[in-house]
Amino acid sequence: MRRLFLLFGLSMILVLSGCVQINEPVYCTADAKACPDGTYVGRDANNNCQFYSCSQPRQCTEEVKNCPGASAVGRDPYNNCEFYPCPTMQACTKELKSCPGNTMVSRNPSNNCEFYDCPPTTKITKIKCESQNGIVVLNPGAGVMCPQGKVMIGTVTMGIESGICCR
């Protein structure tokens, strides 16, 4: 018992003399500060509950990055002067590409304005087209396409005229 009392006494002397420091946890209020860029910061428990600093915009160089589709982006002062992301959707030119079977395809804005794939060139008879709930669209000239909501399933030849089967 004497040893326990002696050990406790020595521990108290060390604590009271400052040799052993006991850190109490610091709790800050849970409020936030609005920053000029629209973000919010809380309080720093390791800095006497002062607010964290707001991110400051940097002075970035004025160069631009060219993106696909003839667009360009500058640098973001709130993101370490990294370039802003390139736009995901583009405006494509309206030219058409001729495909086998006298069909045409346009450009795809979701694929860097590359042309859409040409439709299948499967030859099909008018009777087979209609038996598959398809309709024949005759092609008196270039640029024939299926009505909206229908897709081409093949080409149809009727005498000297040609067309496409859409379903």
Protein backbone atom coordinates (compact mmCIF):
# COMPACT_ATOMS: atom_id res chain seq x y z
CA MET A 1 0.00 0.00 0.00
CA ARG A 2 2.87 2.27 0.79
CA ARG A 3 4.33 1.74 -2.68
CA LEU A 4 1.02 2.63 -4.33
CA PHE A 5 0.76 5.82 -2.28
CA LEU A 6 4.37 6.71 -3.15
CA LEU A 7 3.78 6.09 -6.89
CA PHE A 8 0.61 8.24 -6.83
CA GLY A 9 2.44 11.02 -5.00
CA LEU A 10 5.31 11.05 -7.51
CA SER A 11 2.84 11.13 -10.41
CA MET A 12 1.07 14.16 -8.93
CA ILE A 13 4.36 15.98 -8.43
CA LEU A 14 5.32 15.40 -12.08
CA VAL A 15 1.93 16.61 -13.34
CA LEU A 16 1.87 19.69 -11.12
CA SER A 17 5.46 20.61 -11.90
CA GLY A 18 4.73 20.68 -15.65
CA CYS A 19 6.92 17.75 -16.61
CA VAL A 20 3.91 15.88 -17.92
CA GLN A 21 1.43 17.93 -19.94
CA ILE A 22 -2.15 16.75 -20.29
CA ASN A 23 -3.89 18.21 -23.35
CA GLU A 24 -7.61 18.61 -23.06
CA PRO A 25 -9.49 18.35 -26.35
CA VAL A 26 -10.56 21.69 -27.82
CA TYR A 27 -14.13 22.00 -29.05
CA CYS A 28 -15.15 24.85 -31.36
CA THR A 29 -18.58 26.08 -32.30
CA ALA A 30 -19.97 24.51 -35.47
CA ASP A 31 -20.66 27.78 -37.29
CA ALA A 32 -19.27 28.53 -40.74
CA LYS A 33 -17.91 31.54 -42.57
CA ALA A 34 -18.97 32.36 -46.15
CA CYS A 35 -16.07 32.97 -48.53
CA PRO A 36 -16.14 35.30 -51.57
CA ASP A 37 -16.09 32.35 -54.00
CA GLY A 38 -19.32 30.93 -52.52
CA THR A 39 -17.68 28.20 -50.41
CA TYR A 40 -17.78 27.95 -46.61
CA VAL A 41 -15.08 27.25 -44.02
CA GLY A 42 -15.35 26.06 -40.44
CA ARG A 43 -13.21 26.63 -37.34
CA ASP A 44 -9.74 25.16 -36.71
CA ALA A 45 -9.45 23.45 -33.30
CA ASN A 46 -5.65 23.54 -33.57
CA ASN A 47 -5.60 27.32 -34.03
CA ASN A 48 -7.60 28.63 -31.07
CA CYS A 49 -10.87 28.03 -32.98
CA GLN A 50 -10.05 30.63 -35.64
CA PHE A 51 -11.78 30.17 -38.99
CA TYR A 52 -9.82 28.33 -41.65
CA SER A 53 -8.71 30.71 -44.40
CA CYS A 54 -10.80 31.06 -47.53
CA SER A 55 -9.18 29.89 -50.71
CA GLN A 56 -7.83 32.90 -52.51
CA PRO A 57 -8.03 33.11 -56.29
CA ARG A 58 -4.63 32.89 -57.90
CA GLN A 59 -3.31 35.07 -60.67
CA CYS A 60 -3.20 32.68 -63.61
CA THR A 61 -1.56 33.10 -66.98
CA GLU A 62 -3.95 34.02 -69.76
CA GLU A 63 -3.16 31.17 -72.14
CA VAL A 64 -5.99 29.01 -73.43
CA LYS A 65 -6.29 25.32 -74.19
CA ASN A 66 -7.87 24.33 -77.51
CA CYS A 67 -10.64 21.77 -77.15
CA PRO A 68 -12.20 19.51 -79.78
CA GLY A 69 -14.83 21.21 -81.91
CA ALA A 70 -13.02 24.56 -82.24
CA SER A 71 -13.73 25.67 -78.66
CA ALA A 72 -11.18 26.79 -76.05
CA VAL A 73 -10.97 27.13 -72.25
CA GLY A 74 -8.91 29.27 -69.89
CA ARG A 75 -7.44 28.61 -66.45
CA ASP A 76 -9.40 28.35 -63.17
CA PRO A 77 -8.01 30.67 -60.45
CA TYR A 78 -9.80 28.66 -57.72
CA ASN A 79 -8.36 25.31 -58.86
CA ASN A 80 -4.60 25.90 -58.78
CA CYS A 81 -4.77 27.50 -62.25
CA GLU A 82 -5.67 24.20 -63.91
CA PHE A 83 -7.53 24.54 -67.20
CA TYR A 84 -11.31 24.49 -67.01
CA PRO A 85 -12.70 21.24 -68.48
CA CYS A 86 -13.52 21.23 -72.18
CA PRO A 87 -17.23 21.34 -73.03
CA THR A 88 -18.71 17.87 -73.41
CA MET A 89 -21.26 18.71 -76.09
CA GLN A 90 -20.22 20.34 -79.31
CA ALA A 91 -21.95 21.94 -82.23
CA CYS A 92 -21.04 20.05 -85.37
CA THR A 93 -21.11 21.15 -88.97
CA LYS A 94 -24.17 19.94 -90.86
CA GLU A 95 -22.60 18.11 -93.77
CA LEU A 96 -23.68 14.57 -94.54
CA LYS A 97 -21.63 11.54 -95.50
CA SER A 98 -22.80 9.21 -98.27
CA CYS A 99 -23.02 5.58 -97.30
CA PRO A 100 -23.56 2.38 -99.30
CA GLY A 101 -27.17 1.81 -100.23
CA ASN A 102 -27.71 5.49 -101.10
CA THR A 103 -28.06 6.52 -97.44
CA MET A 104 -26.52 9.44 -95.59
CA VAL A 105 -25.33 9.99 -92.03
CA SER A 106 -24.66 13.20 -90.08
CA ARG A 107 -22.04 14.07 -87.47
CA ASN A 108 -22.27 12.92 -83.84
CA PRO A 109 -21.74 15.75 -81.30
CA SER A 110 -21.14 13.22 -78.50
CA ASN A 111 -18.25 11.65 -80.41
CA ASN A 112 -16.02 14.61 -81.28
CA CYS A 113 -18.21 15.36 -84.34
CA GLU A 114 -17.19 12.16 -86.08
CA PHE A 115 -19.75 10.82 -88.54
CA TYR A 116 -22.28 8.29 -87.26
CA ASP A 117 -21.70 4.76 -88.48
CA CYS A 118 -23.27 3.91 -91.81
CA PRO A 119 -26.41 1.81 -91.51
CA PRO A 120 -26.38 -1.85 -92.51
CA THR A 121 -26.42 -2.60 -96.23
CA THR A 122 -28.38 -5.82 -95.98
CA LYS A 123 -30.43 -6.33 -99.13
CA ILE A 124 -34.03 -7.12 -98.37
CA THR A 125 -37.12 -7.53 -100.52
CA LYS A 126 -40.17 -5.29 -100.21
CA ILE A 127 -42.25 -8.28 -99.04
CA LYS A 128 -39.68 -9.25 -96.37
CA CYS A 129 -39.47 -5.62 -95.19
CA GLU A 130 -43.24 -5.38 -94.78
CA SER A 131 -43.41 -8.83 -93.10
CA GLN A 132 -41.03 -7.48 -90.43
CA ASN A 133 -43.35 -4.50 -89.76
CA GLY A 134 -41.09 -2.28 -91.83
CA ILE A 135 -41.91 0.41 -94.35
CA VAL A 136 -40.17 1.03 -97.64
CA VAL A 137 -38.91 4.56 -98.23
CA LEU A 138 -38.07 5.05 -101.89
CA ASN A 139 -35.04 7.05 -102.84
CA PRO A 140 -35.77 9.30 -105.80
CA GLY A 141 -32.53 11.19 -105.01
CA ALA A 142 -29.77 11.38 -102.45
CA GLY A 143 -30.34 11.97 -98.76
CA VAL A 144 -33.26 9.65 -98.05
CA MET A 145 -33.65 8.79 -94.37
CA CYS A 146 -35.99 6.79 -92.15
CA PRO A 147 -38.82 8.66 -90.45
CA GLN A 148 -38.04 9.82 -86.93
CA GLY A 149 -38.11 7.00 -84.39
CA LYS A 150 -37.45 4.31 -87.02
CA VAL A 151 -34.16 2.67 -87.94
CA MET A 152 -32.96 1.28 -91.24
CA ILE A 153 -32.79 -2.52 -91.38
CA GLY A 154 -31.79 -2.92 -95.01
CA THR A 155 -31.86 -1.69 -98.59
CA VAL A 156 -34.65 -2.50 -101.03
CA THR A 157 -34.42 -2.66 -104.83
CA MET A 158 -37.66 -2.49 -106.79
CA GLY A 159 -37.02 -2.54 -110.52
CA ILE A 160 -34.79 0.42 -111.33
CA GLU A 161 -35.63 2.26 -108.09
CA SER A 162 -33.97 1.70 -104.76
CA GLY A 163 -34.97 2.54 -101.25
CA ILE A 164 -34.53 1.55 -97.65
CA CYS A 165 -36.54 -0.55 -95.23
CA CYS A 166 -37.25 1.23 -91.93
CA ARG A 167 -38.71 -0.27 -88.77
